[in-house]
Amino acid sequence: MSVLKKKGATRRKQLSIRISAELYARIDRVRAAAKAGGMVFEIAEQLEPSIEKIVKLAERELGMKPDDGGTTT
């Protein structure tokens, strides 16, 4: 699966996270190079499965059912 995609509309929500300044600079360079080539660096698509696993683990630890709107068991 490529992390570079053609430009286009997306129907995703934005999530803000903190990362190191060095990693941010690398991402910024990749984004600029992708843009220069008419592409988009689509990192969210690659991260979403990992974030999903972390959320499921947290839900389990909190005694929540997945997608139940926050109800504990």
PDB file of N, CA and C in Angstrom:
ATOM      1  N   MET A   1       0.846  -1.177   0.000  1.00  0.00           N
ATOM      2  CA  MET A   1       0.000   0.000   0.000  1.00  0.00           C
ATOM      3  C   MET A   1       0.886   1.232   0.000  1.00  0.00           C
ATOM      4  N   SER A   2       0.628   2.109  -0.922  1.00  0.00           N
ATOM      5  CA  SER A   2       1.419   3.328  -1.039  1.00  0.00           C
ATOM      6  C   SER A   2       0.962   4.367  -0.026  1.00  0.00           C
ATOM      7  N   VAL A   3       1.908   5.123   0.514  1.00  0.00           N
ATOM      8  CA  VAL A   3       1.559   6.216   1.421  1.00  0.00           C
ATOM      9  C   VAL A   3       1.366   7.522   0.664  1.00  0.00           C
ATOM     10  N   LEU A   4       1.651   7.520  -0.619  1.00  0.00           N
ATOM     11  CA  LEU A   4       1.434   8.697  -1.457  1.00  0.00           C
ATOM     12  C   LEU A   4       0.160   8.489  -2.260  1.00  0.00           C
ATOM     13  N   LYS A   5      -0.704   9.489  -2.251  1.00  0.00           N
ATOM     14  CA  LYS A   5      -1.984   9.391  -2.940  1.00  0.00           C
ATOM     15  C   LYS A   5      -2.202  10.607  -3.821  1.00  0.00           C
ATOM     16  N   LYS A   6      -3.032  10.452  -4.834  1.00  0.00           N
ATOM     17  CA  LYS A   6      -3.449  11.576  -5.644  1.00  0.00           C
ATOM     18  C   LYS A   6      -4.264  12.516  -4.771  1.00  0.00           C
ATOM     19  N   LYS A   7      -4.176  13.817  -5.051  1.00  0.00           N
ATOM     20  CA  LYS A   7      -4.951  14.793  -4.294  1.00  0.00           C
ATOM     21  C   LYS A   7      -6.435  14.553  -4.525  1.00  0.00           C
ATOM     22  N   GLY A   8      -7.214  14.746  -3.477  1.00  0.00           N
ATOM     23  CA  GLY A   8      -8.651  14.576  -3.578  1.00  0.00           C
ATOM     24  C   GLY A   8      -9.316  14.847  -2.239  1.00  0.00           C
ATOM     25  N   ALA A   9     -10.620  14.879  -2.263  1.00  0.00           N
ATOM     26  CA  ALA A   9     -11.383  15.149  -1.044  1.00  0.00           C
ATOM     27  C   ALA A   9     -11.335  13.945  -0.110  1.00  0.00           C
ATOM     28  N   THR A  10     -11.420  14.238   1.178  1.00  0.00           N
ATOM     29  CA  THR A  10     -11.445  13.179   2.175  1.00  0.00           C
ATOM     30  C   THR A  10     -12.576  13.439   3.154  1.00  0.00           C
ATOM     31  N   ARG A  11     -13.123  12.399   3.737  1.00  0.00           N
ATOM     32  CA  ARG A  11     -14.213  12.526   4.700  1.00  0.00           C
ATOM     33  C   ARG A  11     -13.746  12.028   6.066  1.00  0.00           C
ATOM     34  N   ARG A  12     -12.560  12.395   6.459  1.00  0.00           N
ATOM     35  CA  ARG A  12     -11.997  11.963   7.729  1.00  0.00           C
ATOM     36  C   ARG A  12     -11.998  13.113   8.723  1.00  0.00           C
ATOM     37  N   LYS A  13     -11.936  12.764   9.996  1.00  0.00           N
ATOM     38  CA  LYS A  13     -11.816  13.746  11.072  1.00  0.00           C
ATOM     39  C   LYS A  13     -10.332  13.909  11.396  1.00  0.00           C
ATOM     40  N   GLN A  14      -9.971  15.076  11.886  1.00  0.00           N
ATOM     41  CA  GLN A  14      -8.581  15.361  12.215  1.00  0.00           C
ATOM     42  C   GLN A  14      -8.296  14.997  13.663  1.00  0.00           C
ATOM     43  N   LEU A  15      -7.132  14.384  13.915  1.00  0.00           N
ATOM     44  CA  LEU A  15      -6.652  14.054  15.245  1.00  0.00           C
ATOM     45  C   LEU A  15      -5.285  14.692  15.398  1.00  0.00           C
ATOM     46  N   SER A  16      -5.087  15.416  16.457  1.00  0.00           N
ATOM     47  CA  SER A  16      -3.820  16.101  16.684  1.00  0.00           C
ATOM     48  C   SER A  16      -3.012  15.334  17.733  1.00  0.00           C
ATOM     49  N   ILE A  17      -1.740  15.058  17.430  1.00  0.00           N
ATOM     50  CA  ILE A  17      -0.856  14.359  18.368  1.00  0.00           C
ATOM     51  C   ILE A  17       0.472  15.107  18.470  1.00  0.00           C
ATOM     52  N   ARG A  18       1.182  14.861  19.535  1.00  0.00           N
ATOM     53  CA  ARG A  18       2.505  15.465  19.721  1.00  0.00           C
ATOM     54  C   ARG A  18       3.577  14.464  19.286  1.00  0.00           C
ATOM     55  N   ILE A  19       4.533  14.954  18.496  1.00  0.00           N
ATOM     56  CA  ILE A  19       5.672  14.140  18.050  1.00  0.00           C
ATOM     57  C   ILE A  19       6.935  14.970  18.216  1.00  0.00           C
ATOM     58  N   SER A  20       8.080  14.330  18.081  1.00  0.00           N
ATOM     59  CA  SER A  20       9.345  15.054  18.229  1.00  0.00           C
ATOM     60  C   SER A  20       9.521  16.058  17.089  1.00  0.00           C
ATOM     61  N   ALA A  21      10.274  17.102  17.365  1.00  0.00           N
ATOM     62  CA  ALA A  21      10.551  18.122  16.353  1.00  0.00           C
ATOM     63  C   ALA A  21      11.283  17.519  15.157  1.00  0.00           C
ATOM     64  N   GLU A  22      12.159  16.569  15.415  1.00  0.00           N
ATOM     65  CA  GLU A  22      12.921  15.932  14.335  1.00  0.00           C
ATOM     66  C   GLU A  22      12.004  15.144  13.398  1.00  0.00           C
ATOM     67  N   LEU A  23      11.079  14.380  13.993  1.00  0.00           N
ATOM     68  CA  LEU A  23      10.146  13.616  13.164  1.00  0.00           C
ATOM     69  C   LEU A  23       9.232  14.548  12.386  1.00  0.00           C
ATOM     70  N   TYR A  24       8.790  15.626  13.028  1.00  0.00           N
ATOM     71  CA  TYR A  24       7.936  16.597  12.346  1.00  0.00           C
ATOM     72  C   TYR A  24       8.652  17.191  11.131  1.00  0.00           C
ATOM     73  N   ALA A  25       9.933  17.517  11.300  1.00  0.00           N
ATOM     74  CA  ALA A  25      10.708  18.089  10.193  1.00  0.00           C
ATOM     75  C   ALA A  25      10.815  17.094   9.035  1.00  0.00           C
ATOM     76  N   ARG A  26      11.003  15.822   9.356  1.00  0.00           N
ATOM     77  CA  ARG A  26      11.084  14.794   8.303  1.00  0.00           C
ATOM     78  C   ARG A  26       9.751  14.663   7.566  1.00  0.00           C
ATOM     79  N   ILE A  27       8.662  14.659   8.327  1.00  0.00           N
ATOM     80  CA  ILE A  27       7.335  14.575   7.719  1.00  0.00           C
ATOM     81  C   ILE A  27       7.096  15.783   6.828  1.00  0.00           C
ATOM     82  N   ASP A  28       7.482  16.951   7.310  1.00  0.00           N
ATOM     83  CA  ASP A  28       7.319  18.181   6.531  1.00  0.00           C
ATOM     84  C   ASP A  28       8.080  18.108   5.213  1.00  0.00           C
ATOM     85  N   ARG A  29       9.305  17.568   5.234  1.00  0.00           N
ATOM     86  CA  ARG A  29      10.095  17.421   4.009  1.00  0.00           C
ATOM     87  C   ARG A  29       9.428  16.450   3.040  1.00  0.00           C
ATOM     88  N   VAL A  30       8.909  15.349   3.564  1.00  0.00           N
ATOM     89  CA  VAL A  30       8.230  14.374   2.708  1.00  0.00           C
ATOM     90  C   VAL A  30       6.967  14.983   2.105  1.00  0.00           C
ATOM     91  N   ARG A  31       6.201  15.704   2.910  1.00  0.00           N
ATOM     92  CA  ARG A  31       4.991  16.363   2.402  1.00  0.00           C
ATOM     93  C   ARG A  31       5.336  17.330   1.267  1.00  0.00           C
ATOM     94  N   ALA A  32       6.390  18.120   1.463  1.00  0.00           N
ATOM     95  CA  ALA A  32       6.791  19.092   0.443  1.00  0.00           C
ATOM     96  C   ALA A  32       7.220  18.387  -0.838  1.00  0.00           C
ATOM     97  N   ALA A  33       7.985  17.318  -0.714  1.00  0.00           N
ATOM     98  CA  ALA A  33       8.433  16.578  -1.893  1.00  0.00           C
ATOM     99  C   ALA A  33       7.246  15.931  -2.606  1.00  0.00           C
ATOM    100  N   ALA A  34       6.298  15.389  -1.838  1.00  0.00           N
ATOM    101  CA  ALA A  34       5.110  14.779  -2.432  1.00  0.00           C
ATOM    102  C   ALA A  34       4.289  15.840  -3.168  1.00  0.00           C
ATOM    103  N   LYS A  35       4.116  16.997  -2.538  1.00  0.00           N
ATOM    104  CA  LYS A  35       3.345  18.085  -3.155  1.00  0.00           C
ATOM    105  C   LYS A  35       3.987  18.532  -4.463  1.00  0.00           C
ATOM    106  N   ALA A  36       5.323  18.625  -4.458  1.00  0.00           N
ATOM    107  CA  ALA A  36       6.044  19.017  -5.667  1.00  0.00           C
ATOM    108  C   ALA A  36       5.827  18.013  -6.798  1.00  0.00           C
ATOM    109  N   GLY A  37       5.573  16.772  -6.425  1.00  0.00           N
ATOM    110  CA  GLY A  37       5.318  15.732  -7.425  1.00  0.00           C
ATOM    111  C   GLY A  37       3.841  15.533  -7.721  1.00  0.00           C
ATOM    112  N   GLY A  38       2.984  16.435  -7.197  1.00  0.00           N
ATOM    113  CA  GLY A  38       1.553  16.330  -7.454  1.00  0.00           C
ATOM    114  C   GLY A  38       0.868  15.253  -6.638  1.00  0.00           C
ATOM    115  N   MET A  39       1.503  14.853  -5.532  1.00  0.00           N
ATOM    116  CA  MET A  39       0.969  13.790  -4.685  1.00  0.00           C
ATOM    117  C   MET A  39       0.691  14.341  -3.288  1.00  0.00           C
ATOM    118  N   VAL A  40       0.121  13.498  -2.437  1.00  0.00           N
ATOM    119  CA  VAL A  40      -0.141  13.833  -1.050  1.00  0.00           C
ATOM    120  C   VAL A  40       0.435  12.726  -0.188  1.00  0.00           C
ATOM    121  N   PHE A  41       1.139  13.090   0.868  1.00  0.00           N
ATOM    122  CA  PHE A  41       1.669  12.112   1.824  1.00  0.00           C
ATOM    123  C   PHE A  41       0.544  11.745   2.771  1.00  0.00           C
ATOM    124  N   GLU A  42      -0.061  10.573   2.588  1.00  0.00           N
ATOM    125  CA  GLU A  42      -1.237  10.137   3.333  1.00  0.00           C
ATOM    126  C   GLU A  42      -0.826   9.204   4.469  1.00  0.00           C
ATOM    127  N   ILE A  43      -0.381   9.791   5.572  1.00  0.00           N
ATOM    128  CA  ILE A  43       0.088   9.000   6.706  1.00  0.00           C
ATOM    129  C   ILE A  43      -1.069   8.482   7.563  1.00  0.00           C
ATOM    130  N   ALA A  44      -2.183   9.193   7.587  1.00  0.00           N
ATOM    131  CA  ALA A  44      -3.316   8.807   8.434  1.00  0.00           C
ATOM    132  C   ALA A  44      -3.832   7.420   8.090  1.00  0.00           C
ATOM    133  N   GLU A  45      -3.908   7.113   6.812  1.00  0.00           N
ATOM    134  CA  GLU A  45      -4.398   5.810   6.377  1.00  0.00           C
ATOM    135  C   GLU A  45      -3.518   4.680   6.921  1.00  0.00           C
ATOM    136  N   GLN A  46      -2.229   4.938   7.022  1.00  0.00           N
ATOM    137  CA  GLN A  46      -1.299   3.937   7.539  1.00  0.00           C
ATOM    138  C   GLN A  46      -1.399   3.808   9.053  1.00  0.00           C
ATOM    139  N   LEU A  47      -1.680   4.908   9.740  1.00  0.00           N
ATOM    140  CA  LEU A  47      -1.737   4.909  11.201  1.00  0.00           C
ATOM    141  C   LEU A  47      -3.056   4.419  11.763  1.00  0.00           C
ATOM    142  N   GLU A  48      -4.127   4.558  11.021  1.00  0.00           N
ATOM    143  CA  GLU A  48      -5.453   4.247  11.548  1.00  0.00           C
ATOM    144  C   GLU A  48      -5.576   2.836  12.137  1.00  0.00           C
ATOM    145  N   PRO A  49      -5.064   1.782  11.500  1.00  0.00           N
ATOM    146  CA  PRO A  49      -5.172   0.453  12.109  1.00  0.00           C
ATOM    147  C   PRO A  49      -4.463   0.356  13.469  1.00  0.00           C
ATOM    148  N   SER A  50      -3.324   1.016  13.617  1.00  0.00           N
ATOM    149  CA  SER A  50      -2.610   1.002  14.896  1.00  0.00           C
ATOM    150  C   SER A  50      -3.383   1.754  15.970  1.00  0.00           C
ATOM    151  N   ILE A  51      -3.953   2.885  15.602  1.00  0.00           N
ATOM    152  CA  ILE A  51      -4.751   3.660  16.549  1.00  0.00           C
ATOM    153  C   ILE A  51      -5.977   2.863  16.967  1.00  0.00           C
ATOM    154  N   GLU A  52      -6.599   2.175  16.022  1.00  0.00           N
ATOM    155  CA  GLU A  52      -7.761   1.338  16.317  1.00  0.00           C
ATOM    156  C   GLU A  52      -7.418   0.275  17.365  1.00  0.00           C
ATOM    157  N   LYS A  53      -6.259  -0.361  17.228  1.00  0.00           N
ATOM    158  CA  LYS A  53      -5.835  -1.385  18.200  1.00  0.00           C
ATOM    159  C   LYS A  53      -5.648  -0.779  19.591  1.00  0.00           C
ATOM    160  N   ILE A  54      -5.053   0.401  19.655  1.00  0.00           N
ATOM    161  CA  ILE A  54      -4.829   1.073  20.938  1.00  0.00           C
ATOM    162  C   ILE A  54      -6.163   1.437  21.587  1.00  0.00           C
ATOM    163  N   VAL A  55      -7.104   1.930  20.794  1.00  0.00           N
ATOM    164  CA  VAL A  55      -8.422   2.294  21.320  1.00  0.00           C
ATOM    165  C   VAL A  55      -9.142   1.050  21.844  1.00  0.00           C
ATOM    166  N   LYS A  56      -9.087  -0.050  21.113  1.00  0.00           N
ATOM    167  CA  LYS A  56      -9.727  -1.291  21.560  1.00  0.00           C
ATOM    168  C   LYS A  56      -9.127  -1.768  22.873  1.00  0.00           C
ATOM    169  N   LEU A  57      -7.815  -1.679  23.008  1.00  0.00           N
ATOM    170  CA  LEU A  57      -7.152  -2.066  24.250  1.00  0.00           C
ATOM    171  C   LEU A  57      -7.617  -1.182  25.410  1.00  0.00           C
ATOM    172  N   ALA A  58      -7.686   0.121  25.183  1.00  0.00           N
ATOM    173  CA  ALA A  58      -8.142   1.044  26.224  1.00  0.00           C
ATOM    174  C   ALA A  58      -9.598   0.761  26.593  1.00  0.00           C
ATOM    175  N   GLU A  59     -10.443   0.492  25.595  1.00  0.00           N
ATOM    176  CA  GLU A  59     -11.838   0.161  25.872  1.00  0.00           C
ATOM    177  C   GLU A  59     -11.934  -1.086  26.749  1.00  0.00           C
ATOM    178  N   ARG A  60     -11.131  -2.095  26.417  1.00  0.00           N
ATOM    179  CA  ARG A  60     -11.115  -3.333  27.200  1.00  0.00           C
ATOM    180  C   ARG A  60     -10.690  -3.060  28.640  1.00  0.00           C
ATOM    181  N   GLU A  61      -9.612  -2.283  28.798  1.00  0.00           N
ATOM    182  CA  GLU A  61      -9.111  -1.963  30.133  1.00  0.00           C
ATOM    183  C   GLU A  61     -10.131  -1.179  30.951  1.00  0.00           C
ATOM    184  N   LEU A  62     -10.965  -0.395  30.274  1.00  0.00           N
ATOM    185  CA  LEU A  62     -11.987   0.399  30.951  1.00  0.00           C
ATOM    186  C   LEU A  62     -13.314  -0.342  31.103  1.00  0.00           C
ATOM    187  N   GLY A  63     -13.357  -1.565  30.612  1.00  0.00           N
ATOM    188  CA  GLY A  63     -14.583  -2.351  30.701  1.00  0.00           C
ATOM    189  C   GLY A  63     -15.661  -1.890  29.755  1.00  0.00           C
ATOM    190  N   MET A  64     -15.270  -1.271  28.660  1.00  0.00           N
ATOM    191  CA  MET A  64     -16.229  -0.769  27.677  1.00  0.00           C
ATOM    192  C   MET A  64     -16.370  -1.751  26.530  1.00  0.00           C
ATOM    193  N   LYS A  65     -17.542  -1.751  25.928  1.00  0.00           N
ATOM    194  CA  LYS A  65     -17.753  -2.491  24.690  1.00  0.00           C
ATOM    195  C   LYS A  65     -17.363  -1.563  23.547  1.00  0.00           C
ATOM    196  N   PRO A  66     -16.735  -2.070  22.491  1.00  0.00           N
ATOM    197  CA  PRO A  66     -16.406  -1.210  21.352  1.00  0.00           C
ATOM    198  C   PRO A  66     -17.655  -0.562  20.764  1.00  0.00           C
ATOM    199  N   ASP A  67     -17.549   0.709  20.434  1.00  0.00           N
ATOM    200  CA  ASP A  67     -18.619   1.467  19.776  1.00  0.00           C
ATOM    201  C   ASP A  67     -19.931   1.494  20.547  1.00  0.00           C
ATOM    202  N   ASP A  68     -19.869   1.493  21.869  1.00  0.00           N
ATOM    203  CA  ASP A  68     -21.123   1.545  22.635  1.00  0.00           C
ATOM    204  C   ASP A  68     -21.408   2.930  23.200  1.00  0.00           C
ATOM    205  N   GLY A  69     -20.637   3.917  22.756  1.00  0.00           N
ATOM    206  CA  GLY A  69     -20.877   5.280  23.206  1.00  0.00           C
ATOM    207  C   GLY A  69     -20.396   5.571  24.603  1.00  0.00           C
ATOM    208  N   GLY A  70     -19.509   4.736  25.127  1.00  0.00           N
ATOM    209  CA  GLY A  70     -18.917   5.020  26.431  1.00  0.00           C
ATOM    210  C   GLY A  70     -19.530   4.275  27.599  1.00  0.00           C
ATOM    211  N   THR A  71     -20.478   3.390  27.352  1.00  0.00           N
ATOM    212  CA  THR A  71     -21.105   2.637  28.430  1.00  0.00           C
ATOM    213  C   THR A  71     -20.145   1.584  28.946  1.00  0.00           C
ATOM    214  N   THR A  72     -19.994   1.480  30.255  1.00  0.00           N
ATOM    215  CA  THR A  72     -19.166   0.423  30.839  1.00  0.00           C
ATOM    216  C   THR A  72     -20.012  -0.798  31.101  1.00  0.00           C
ATOM    217  N   THR A  73     -19.328  -1.943  31.151  1.00  0.00           N
ATOM    218  CA  THR A  73     -20.042  -3.197  31.382  1.00  0.00           C
ATOM    219  C   THR A  73     -20.101  -3.545  32.836  1.00  0.00           C
TER     220      THR A  73
END
